[in-house]
N, C-alpha and C. Protein backbone atom coordinates (compact mmCIF):
# COMPACT_ATOMS: atom_id res chain seq x y z
N MET A 1 14.90 -5.02 9.38
CA MET A 1 15.72 -4.82 8.17
C MET A 1 14.80 -4.43 7.05
N ARG A 2 15.19 -3.48 6.21
CA ARG A 2 14.37 -3.02 5.09
C ARG A 2 14.89 -3.66 3.85
N THR A 3 13.99 -3.90 2.86
CA THR A 3 14.24 -4.38 1.54
C THR A 3 14.16 -3.25 0.66
N PRO A 4 15.23 -3.17 -0.27
CA PRO A 4 15.13 -1.97 -1.31
C PRO A 4 13.87 -2.20 -2.18
N LEU A 5 13.44 -1.02 -2.61
CA LEU A 5 12.24 -1.07 -3.66
C LEU A 5 12.67 -1.82 -4.89
N ALA A 6 11.81 -2.51 -5.44
CA ALA A 6 11.98 -3.31 -6.61
C ALA A 6 10.79 -3.20 -7.50
N PRO A 7 10.92 -3.49 -8.86
CA PRO A 7 9.72 -3.47 -9.73
C PRO A 7 8.80 -4.60 -9.38
N PRO A 8 7.54 -4.44 -9.73
CA PRO A 8 6.65 -5.64 -9.46
C PRO A 8 7.04 -6.91 -10.30
N ALA A 9 6.57 -8.00 -9.93
CA ALA A 9 6.80 -9.18 -10.57
C ALA A 9 6.25 -9.20 -12.03
N ALA A 10 6.81 -9.94 -12.97
CA ALA A 10 6.32 -9.83 -14.40
C ALA A 10 4.87 -10.33 -14.34
N ALA A 11 4.44 -11.11 -13.50
CA ALA A 11 3.04 -11.66 -13.52
C ALA A 11 2.08 -10.64 -12.89
N TYR A 12 2.52 -9.48 -12.38
CA TYR A 12 1.58 -8.57 -11.74
C TYR A 12 0.68 -8.02 -12.78
N THR A 13 -0.67 -8.05 -12.53
CA THR A 13 -1.61 -7.55 -13.55
C THR A 13 -2.24 -6.29 -13.16
N GLY A 14 -1.70 -5.57 -12.08
CA GLY A 14 -2.31 -4.27 -11.73
C GLY A 14 -2.83 -4.30 -10.26
N GLY A 15 -3.35 -3.17 -9.83
CA GLY A 15 -3.87 -3.20 -8.49
C GLY A 15 -5.34 -2.67 -8.37
N LEU A 16 -5.53 -1.94 -7.42
CA LEU A 16 -6.93 -1.47 -7.19
C LEU A 16 -7.34 -0.43 -8.14
N ALA A 17 -8.62 -0.26 -8.32
CA ALA A 17 -9.12 0.85 -9.26
C ALA A 17 -9.36 2.00 -8.24
N THR A 18 -8.64 3.09 -8.51
CA THR A 18 -8.81 4.28 -7.63
C THR A 18 -8.76 5.58 -8.56
N ASP A 19 -8.93 6.69 -7.89
CA ASP A 19 -8.73 8.01 -8.61
C ASP A 19 -7.38 8.39 -8.77
N THR A 20 -6.41 7.56 -8.44
CA THR A 20 -4.96 7.86 -8.47
C THR A 20 -4.58 8.17 -9.88
N ALA A 21 -5.23 7.57 -10.93
CA ALA A 21 -4.74 7.79 -12.23
C ALA A 21 -4.96 9.21 -12.63
N ASP A 22 -5.88 9.86 -12.07
CA ASP A 22 -6.08 11.30 -12.43
C ASP A 22 -4.93 12.17 -12.05
N ILE A 23 -4.09 11.73 -11.08
CA ILE A 23 -2.92 12.45 -10.64
C ILE A 23 -1.58 11.86 -11.07
N SER A 24 -1.50 10.56 -11.20
CA SER A 24 -0.35 9.90 -11.31
C SER A 24 0.34 10.22 -12.64
N TRP A 25 -0.39 10.65 -13.67
CA TRP A 25 0.26 10.98 -14.84
C TRP A 25 0.98 12.28 -14.83
N GLN A 26 0.66 13.07 -13.76
CA GLN A 26 1.32 14.40 -13.58
C GLN A 26 2.42 14.34 -12.47
N ALA A 27 2.29 13.44 -11.53
CA ALA A 27 3.24 13.36 -10.42
C ALA A 27 3.61 11.98 -10.12
N PRO A 28 4.79 11.72 -9.57
CA PRO A 28 5.18 10.36 -9.12
C PRO A 28 4.22 9.89 -8.11
N THR A 29 3.89 8.62 -8.27
CA THR A 29 2.92 7.97 -7.40
C THR A 29 3.28 6.65 -7.05
N ALA A 30 2.98 6.33 -5.77
CA ALA A 30 3.23 4.87 -5.25
C ALA A 30 1.97 4.42 -4.58
N VAL A 31 1.80 3.18 -4.54
CA VAL A 31 0.56 2.55 -3.92
C VAL A 31 1.21 1.42 -2.94
N LEU A 32 0.94 1.71 -1.69
CA LEU A 32 1.34 0.72 -0.73
C LEU A 32 0.13 0.04 -0.06
N LEU A 33 0.00 -1.22 -0.10
CA LEU A 33 -1.18 -1.75 0.49
C LEU A 33 -0.89 -2.57 1.74
N SER A 34 -1.83 -2.79 2.62
CA SER A 34 -1.71 -3.46 3.83
C SER A 34 -2.95 -4.27 4.12
N ALA A 35 -2.83 -5.52 4.46
CA ALA A 35 -4.11 -6.33 4.86
C ALA A 35 -4.75 -5.68 5.93
N ALA A 36 -6.12 -5.46 5.85
CA ALA A 36 -6.82 -4.79 7.01
C ALA A 36 -7.94 -5.69 7.51
N TYR A 37 -8.34 -6.71 6.88
CA TYR A 37 -9.32 -7.52 7.23
C TYR A 37 -9.02 -9.03 6.92
N PRO A 38 -9.64 -10.01 7.39
CA PRO A 38 -9.34 -11.38 7.17
C PRO A 38 -9.65 -11.74 5.69
N PRO A 39 -8.83 -12.74 5.09
CA PRO A 39 -9.05 -13.13 3.77
C PRO A 39 -10.36 -13.71 3.59
N GLY A 40 -10.96 -13.60 2.35
CA GLY A 40 -12.20 -14.14 2.05
C GLY A 40 -13.44 -13.21 2.31
N ILE A 41 -13.19 -12.10 2.95
CA ILE A 41 -14.27 -11.10 3.20
C ILE A 41 -14.16 -10.13 2.00
N PRO A 42 -15.29 -9.94 1.19
CA PRO A 42 -15.29 -8.94 0.13
C PRO A 42 -15.16 -7.50 0.58
N ASN A 43 -14.44 -6.80 -0.30
CA ASN A 43 -14.20 -5.37 0.05
C ASN A 43 -15.64 -4.67 -0.02
N HIS A 44 -15.71 -3.60 0.66
CA HIS A 44 -16.97 -2.79 0.72
C HIS A 44 -18.09 -3.67 1.27
N ASN A 45 -17.82 -4.37 2.37
CA ASN A 45 -18.73 -5.35 3.02
C ASN A 45 -18.71 -4.89 4.51
N TRP A 46 -19.79 -5.23 5.26
CA TRP A 46 -20.01 -4.88 6.64
C TRP A 46 -18.88 -5.62 7.44
N GLY A 47 -18.45 -6.83 7.05
CA GLY A 47 -17.42 -7.63 7.71
C GLY A 47 -16.09 -6.87 7.72
N ALA A 48 -15.79 -6.28 6.59
CA ALA A 48 -14.53 -5.51 6.42
C ALA A 48 -14.51 -4.26 7.32
N THR A 49 -15.76 -3.58 7.28
CA THR A 49 -15.98 -2.38 8.11
C THR A 49 -15.91 -2.68 9.57
N ALA A 50 -16.48 -3.73 10.06
CA ALA A 50 -16.42 -4.18 11.40
C ALA A 50 -15.11 -4.53 11.92
N THR A 51 -14.26 -5.00 11.05
CA THR A 51 -12.91 -5.39 11.38
C THR A 51 -12.06 -4.20 11.93
N ALA A 52 -12.46 -3.04 11.45
CA ALA A 52 -11.68 -1.83 11.89
C ALA A 52 -11.66 -1.64 13.26
N ALA A 53 -12.72 -2.08 14.06
CA ALA A 53 -12.87 -1.85 15.55
C ALA A 53 -12.27 -3.08 16.24
N THR A 54 -11.43 -3.89 15.62
CA THR A 54 -10.86 -5.14 16.33
C THR A 54 -9.36 -4.94 16.38
N ASN A 55 -8.66 -5.91 16.98
CA ASN A 55 -7.20 -6.00 17.01
C ASN A 55 -6.75 -6.19 15.66
N ILE A 56 -7.36 -6.89 14.90
CA ILE A 56 -6.87 -7.05 13.47
C ILE A 56 -6.84 -5.67 12.72
N GLY A 57 -7.80 -4.84 12.90
CA GLY A 57 -7.79 -3.50 12.31
C GLY A 57 -6.70 -2.69 12.90
N HIS A 58 -6.45 -2.73 14.12
CA HIS A 58 -5.38 -1.97 14.83
C HIS A 58 -3.94 -2.40 14.33
N GLN A 59 -3.71 -3.68 14.24
CA GLN A 59 -2.58 -4.27 13.78
C GLN A 59 -2.29 -3.82 12.30
N ALA A 60 -3.36 -3.83 11.49
CA ALA A 60 -3.27 -3.43 10.07
C ALA A 60 -2.76 -1.93 10.03
N LEU A 61 -3.36 -1.17 10.85
CA LEU A 61 -3.08 0.31 10.90
C LEU A 61 -1.56 0.44 11.27
N LEU A 62 -1.17 -0.25 12.26
CA LEU A 62 0.35 -0.20 12.62
C LEU A 62 1.23 -0.65 11.51
N SER A 63 0.83 -1.80 10.83
CA SER A 63 1.60 -2.25 9.63
C SER A 63 1.66 -1.21 8.56
N ALA A 64 0.51 -0.70 8.27
CA ALA A 64 0.44 0.37 7.20
C ALA A 64 1.33 1.53 7.44
N ALA A 65 1.39 1.96 8.74
CA ALA A 65 2.26 3.12 9.06
C ALA A 65 3.70 2.67 8.91
N ARG A 66 4.06 1.43 9.23
CA ARG A 66 5.52 1.00 9.13
C ARG A 66 5.75 0.97 7.58
N TYR A 67 4.87 0.54 6.82
CA TYR A 67 5.17 0.40 5.27
C TYR A 67 5.38 1.83 4.78
N LEU A 68 4.45 2.81 5.18
CA LEU A 68 4.56 4.15 4.67
C LEU A 68 5.93 4.72 5.05
N ALA A 69 6.35 4.43 6.34
CA ALA A 69 7.51 5.05 6.82
C ALA A 69 8.69 4.46 6.03
N ALA A 70 8.79 3.15 5.87
CA ALA A 70 9.77 2.45 5.15
C ALA A 70 9.85 3.00 3.71
N GLY A 71 8.76 3.22 3.02
CA GLY A 71 8.71 3.64 1.69
C GLY A 71 9.36 5.10 1.60
N ALA A 72 8.95 5.88 2.59
CA ALA A 72 9.50 7.25 2.62
C ALA A 72 11.03 7.23 2.80
N ILE A 73 11.58 6.35 3.63
CA ILE A 73 13.01 6.18 3.87
C ILE A 73 13.61 5.76 2.61
N ASP A 74 13.05 4.79 1.85
CA ASP A 74 13.60 4.21 0.68
C ASP A 74 13.83 5.42 -0.44
N LEU A 75 12.75 6.18 -0.56
CA LEU A 75 12.76 7.26 -1.42
C LEU A 75 13.77 8.30 -1.12
N ILE A 76 13.99 8.53 0.30
CA ILE A 76 14.99 9.59 0.69
C ILE A 76 16.47 8.90 0.37
N GLU A 77 16.60 7.71 0.73
CA GLU A 77 17.95 6.97 0.50
C GLU A 77 18.20 6.65 -0.88
N GLN A 78 17.19 6.55 -1.70
CA GLN A 78 17.44 6.17 -3.12
C GLN A 78 16.63 7.06 -3.99
N PRO A 79 16.97 8.44 -4.13
CA PRO A 79 16.24 9.40 -4.73
C PRO A 79 16.03 9.13 -6.28
N ASP A 80 16.94 8.34 -6.85
CA ASP A 80 16.73 7.95 -8.26
C ASP A 80 15.46 7.23 -8.53
N LEU A 81 14.86 6.61 -7.52
CA LEU A 81 13.65 5.85 -7.70
C LEU A 81 12.44 6.71 -7.90
N SER A 82 12.50 7.95 -7.58
CA SER A 82 11.46 8.94 -7.55
C SER A 82 11.47 9.77 -8.85
N THR A 83 12.47 9.55 -9.69
CA THR A 83 12.36 10.24 -10.97
C THR A 83 12.10 9.27 -12.16
N PRO A 84 11.35 9.70 -13.12
CA PRO A 84 11.05 8.81 -14.20
C PRO A 84 12.30 8.49 -15.13
């Protein structure tokens, strides 16, 4: 079962720092995140990299693919969400 897209919670303070801002002011942009390594491991760390070769990394990849597909379906079924 899919949940419709909704705005972030009022307490949401932002997400990752990426180059997305260079494009997002010109084109609709979405960021979908999936956990890819165990909690407590810092990003850009050998432990996070090593996790990619494990079952955790494989399951994260499959989850991320599901999230991307569900996000695309939401935008197709709810086109008003993709317009400012």
